[in-house]
């Protein structure tokens, strides 16, 4: 059995295609500050405003780029 062929770089499969050109992964965590600090220690770069992670906010989230440039969203639950 042959493995499936890889999609062309500029032509992702339909289920991976994005609308508006932005794609990101979302991870839920119990401590946003701790998780973001660990990511930044490994080379992540915050891409959203730090006011979104204010402890007084009812919904705390942030976006960062990993060292390869992938966008990741963290949401505190």
N, C-alpha and C. Protein backbone atom coordinates (compact mmCIF):
# COMPACT_ATOMS: atom_id res chain seq x y z
N UNK A 1 0.84 -1.17 0.00
CA UNK A 1 0.00 0.00 0.00
C UNK A 1 0.89 1.24 0.00
N UNK A 2 0.60 2.17 -0.87
CA UNK A 2 1.38 3.41 -0.97
C UNK A 2 0.83 4.46 -0.02
N UNK A 3 1.72 5.26 0.59
CA UNK A 3 1.23 6.35 1.44
C UNK A 3 0.56 7.41 0.58
N UNK A 4 -0.36 8.18 1.14
CA UNK A 4 -1.02 9.23 0.36
C UNK A 4 -0.01 10.28 -0.09
N UNK A 5 -0.27 10.85 -1.23
CA UNK A 5 0.62 11.89 -1.75
C UNK A 5 0.44 13.17 -0.95
N UNK A 6 1.54 13.86 -0.73
CA UNK A 6 1.49 15.15 -0.01
C UNK A 6 0.85 16.20 -0.91
N UNK A 7 0.03 17.09 -0.35
CA UNK A 7 -0.57 18.15 -1.16
C UNK A 7 0.49 19.15 -1.60
N UNK A 8 0.19 19.83 -2.66
CA UNK A 8 1.07 20.91 -3.12
C UNK A 8 1.09 21.99 -2.04
N UNK A 9 2.23 22.64 -1.79
CA UNK A 9 2.33 23.65 -0.72
C UNK A 9 1.29 24.76 -0.80
N UNK A 10 0.96 25.22 -1.98
CA UNK A 10 0.01 26.32 -2.12
C UNK A 10 -1.39 25.83 -2.44
N UNK A 11 -1.63 24.54 -2.31
CA UNK A 11 -2.93 23.97 -2.61
C UNK A 11 -3.28 22.92 -1.56
N UNK A 12 -3.59 23.36 -0.32
CA UNK A 12 -3.87 22.39 0.75
C UNK A 12 -5.19 21.67 0.48
N UNK A 13 -5.36 20.48 1.07
CA UNK A 13 -6.64 19.79 0.92
C UNK A 13 -7.77 20.68 1.44
N UNK A 14 -8.97 20.45 0.93
CA UNK A 14 -10.10 21.31 1.27
C UNK A 14 -10.34 21.39 2.78
N UNK A 15 -10.18 20.28 3.50
CA UNK A 15 -10.45 20.30 4.94
C UNK A 15 -9.39 21.09 5.71
N UNK A 16 -8.25 21.42 5.08
CA UNK A 16 -7.22 22.22 5.72
C UNK A 16 -7.19 23.65 5.22
N UNK A 17 -7.99 23.93 4.20
CA UNK A 17 -8.01 25.27 3.63
C UNK A 17 -8.56 26.26 4.65
N UNK A 18 -8.09 27.48 4.59
CA UNK A 18 -8.54 28.51 5.52
C UNK A 18 -9.35 29.56 4.79
N UNK A 19 -10.14 30.25 5.54
CA UNK A 19 -10.89 31.38 5.00
C UNK A 19 -10.20 32.64 5.48
N UNK A 20 -9.90 33.52 4.60
CA UNK A 20 -9.26 34.77 4.97
C UNK A 20 -7.75 34.65 5.15
N UNK A 21 -7.19 33.50 4.87
CA UNK A 21 -5.75 33.34 4.90
C UNK A 21 -5.12 33.16 6.26
N UNK A 22 -5.91 32.97 7.32
CA UNK A 22 -5.34 32.79 8.65
C UNK A 22 -5.74 31.42 9.19
N UNK A 23 -4.77 30.68 9.64
CA UNK A 23 -5.03 29.39 10.27
C UNK A 23 -4.25 29.34 11.57
N UNK A 24 -4.85 28.77 12.60
CA UNK A 24 -4.14 28.65 13.87
C UNK A 24 -4.70 27.49 14.65
N UNK A 25 -3.91 27.00 15.57
CA UNK A 25 -4.33 25.96 16.50
C UNK A 25 -4.77 26.63 17.79
N UNK A 26 -5.75 26.05 18.46
CA UNK A 26 -6.18 26.54 19.76
C UNK A 26 -5.92 25.49 20.81
N UNK A 27 -5.28 25.90 21.88
CA UNK A 27 -5.06 25.02 23.02
C UNK A 27 -5.70 25.66 24.24
N UNK A 28 -6.35 24.84 25.04
CA UNK A 28 -6.96 25.30 26.29
C UNK A 28 -6.03 24.94 27.43
N UNK A 29 -5.88 25.85 28.38
CA UNK A 29 -4.97 25.62 29.50
C UNK A 29 -5.61 26.15 30.78
N UNK A 30 -5.10 25.68 31.91
CA UNK A 30 -5.65 26.13 33.19
C UNK A 30 -4.91 27.35 33.75
N UNK A 31 -3.68 27.59 33.27
CA UNK A 31 -2.90 28.74 33.73
C UNK A 31 -2.23 29.38 32.52
N UNK A 32 -2.87 30.41 32.00
CA UNK A 32 -2.38 31.05 30.78
C UNK A 32 -1.00 31.66 30.97
N UNK A 33 -0.77 32.34 32.10
CA UNK A 33 0.54 32.97 32.33
C UNK A 33 1.66 31.92 32.33
N UNK A 34 1.45 30.82 33.01
CA UNK A 34 2.47 29.76 33.09
C UNK A 34 2.71 29.12 31.72
N UNK A 35 1.64 28.85 31.00
CA UNK A 35 1.77 28.21 29.69
C UNK A 35 2.45 29.15 28.69
N UNK A 36 2.06 30.42 28.69
CA UNK A 36 2.69 31.39 27.79
C UNK A 36 4.16 31.58 28.15
N UNK A 37 4.48 31.66 29.42
CA UNK A 37 5.88 31.81 29.85
C UNK A 37 6.72 30.63 29.37
N UNK A 38 6.18 29.42 29.47
CA UNK A 38 6.91 28.24 29.00
C UNK A 38 7.11 28.29 27.49
N UNK A 39 6.09 28.73 26.75
CA UNK A 39 6.21 28.85 25.29
C UNK A 39 7.25 29.91 24.92
N UNK A 40 7.21 31.06 25.60
CA UNK A 40 8.18 32.12 25.31
C UNK A 40 9.60 31.68 25.65
N UNK A 41 9.76 30.87 26.68
CA UNK A 41 11.10 30.37 27.04
C UNK A 41 11.66 29.46 25.94
N UNK A 42 10.76 28.90 25.13
CA UNK A 42 11.18 28.03 24.04
C UNK A 42 11.26 28.75 22.70
N UNK A 43 11.09 30.07 22.72
CA UNK A 43 11.24 30.86 21.50
C UNK A 43 9.97 31.39 20.88
N UNK A 44 8.83 31.20 21.54
CA UNK A 44 7.57 31.73 21.01
C UNK A 44 7.56 33.25 21.10
N UNK A 45 6.83 33.89 20.19
CA UNK A 45 6.73 35.35 20.15
C UNK A 45 5.27 35.75 20.26
N UNK A 46 4.92 36.49 21.30
CA UNK A 46 3.54 36.93 21.51
C UNK A 46 3.10 37.78 20.33
N UNK A 47 1.92 37.50 19.80
CA UNK A 47 1.39 38.24 18.65
C UNK A 47 0.14 39.04 19.00
N UNK A 48 -0.35 38.92 20.23
CA UNK A 48 -1.53 39.68 20.63
C UNK A 48 -1.16 40.61 21.78
N UNK A 49 -2.05 41.49 22.11
CA UNK A 49 -1.83 42.47 23.17
C UNK A 49 -1.85 41.78 24.53
N UNK A 50 -0.90 42.09 25.38
CA UNK A 50 -0.84 41.47 26.71
C UNK A 50 -2.05 41.81 27.57
N UNK A 51 -2.81 42.85 27.23
CA UNK A 51 -3.99 43.17 28.03
C UNK A 51 -5.05 42.07 27.93
N UNK A 52 -4.99 41.22 26.91
CA UNK A 52 -5.94 40.12 26.77
C UNK A 52 -5.75 39.06 27.83
N UNK A 53 -4.58 39.06 28.50
CA UNK A 53 -4.35 38.05 29.53
C UNK A 53 -4.45 38.64 30.94
N UNK A 54 -5.08 39.80 31.04
CA UNK A 54 -5.30 40.46 32.34
C UNK A 54 -6.16 39.55 33.23
N UNK A 55 -5.72 39.27 34.46
CA UNK A 55 -6.48 38.40 35.36
C UNK A 55 -7.90 38.88 35.65
N UNK A 56 -8.17 40.17 35.43
CA UNK A 56 -9.50 40.72 35.68
C UNK A 56 -10.47 40.46 34.54
N UNK A 57 -9.98 40.01 33.40
CA UNK A 57 -10.84 39.75 32.24
C UNK A 57 -11.58 38.43 32.43
N UNK A 58 -12.85 38.37 32.04
CA UNK A 58 -13.59 37.11 32.18
C UNK A 58 -13.12 36.04 31.18
N UNK A 59 -12.67 36.46 30.02
CA UNK A 59 -12.13 35.53 29.02
C UNK A 59 -10.69 35.92 28.77
N UNK A 60 -9.78 35.02 29.07
CA UNK A 60 -8.35 35.32 28.90
C UNK A 60 -7.81 34.46 27.78
N UNK A 61 -7.18 35.12 26.81
CA UNK A 61 -6.60 34.40 25.69
C UNK A 61 -5.44 35.19 25.12
N UNK A 62 -4.66 34.53 24.29
CA UNK A 62 -3.57 35.20 23.59
C UNK A 62 -3.22 34.41 22.35
N UNK A 63 -2.52 35.06 21.45
CA UNK A 63 -1.99 34.42 20.25
C UNK A 63 -0.48 34.57 20.28
N UNK A 64 0.23 33.53 19.86
CA UNK A 64 1.67 33.64 19.71
C UNK A 64 2.11 32.83 18.51
N UNK A 65 3.31 33.11 18.04
CA UNK A 65 3.90 32.37 16.93
C UNK A 65 5.00 31.50 17.51
N UNK A 66 5.01 30.23 17.12
CA UNK A 66 6.09 29.36 17.56
C UNK A 66 7.34 29.67 16.73
N UNK A 67 8.48 29.08 17.04
CA UNK A 67 9.71 29.40 16.31
C UNK A 67 9.62 29.15 14.80
N UNK A 68 8.70 28.27 14.35
CA UNK A 68 8.54 28.01 12.92
C UNK A 68 7.53 28.96 12.27
N UNK A 69 6.92 29.84 13.08
CA UNK A 69 5.98 30.82 12.54
C UNK A 69 4.52 30.39 12.59
N UNK A 70 4.22 29.21 13.15
CA UNK A 70 2.85 28.76 13.27
C UNK A 70 2.13 29.58 14.34
N UNK A 71 0.91 30.01 14.05
CA UNK A 71 0.14 30.81 14.99
C UNK A 71 -0.64 29.87 15.91
N UNK A 72 -0.56 30.14 17.21
CA UNK A 72 -1.22 29.31 18.22
C UNK A 72 -2.00 30.23 19.15
N UNK A 73 -3.20 29.81 19.46
CA UNK A 73 -4.04 30.54 20.41
C UNK A 73 -4.09 29.75 21.71
N UNK A 74 -3.93 30.45 22.82
CA UNK A 74 -4.12 29.85 24.14
C UNK A 74 -5.37 30.47 24.76
N UNK A 75 -6.21 29.63 25.33
CA UNK A 75 -7.42 30.09 26.01
C UNK A 75 -7.41 29.48 27.40
N UNK A 76 -7.54 30.33 28.41
CA UNK A 76 -7.58 29.82 29.78
C UNK A 76 -9.00 29.36 30.11
N UNK A 77 -9.09 28.15 30.65
CA UNK A 77 -10.40 27.61 31.01
C UNK A 77 -10.60 27.62 32.50
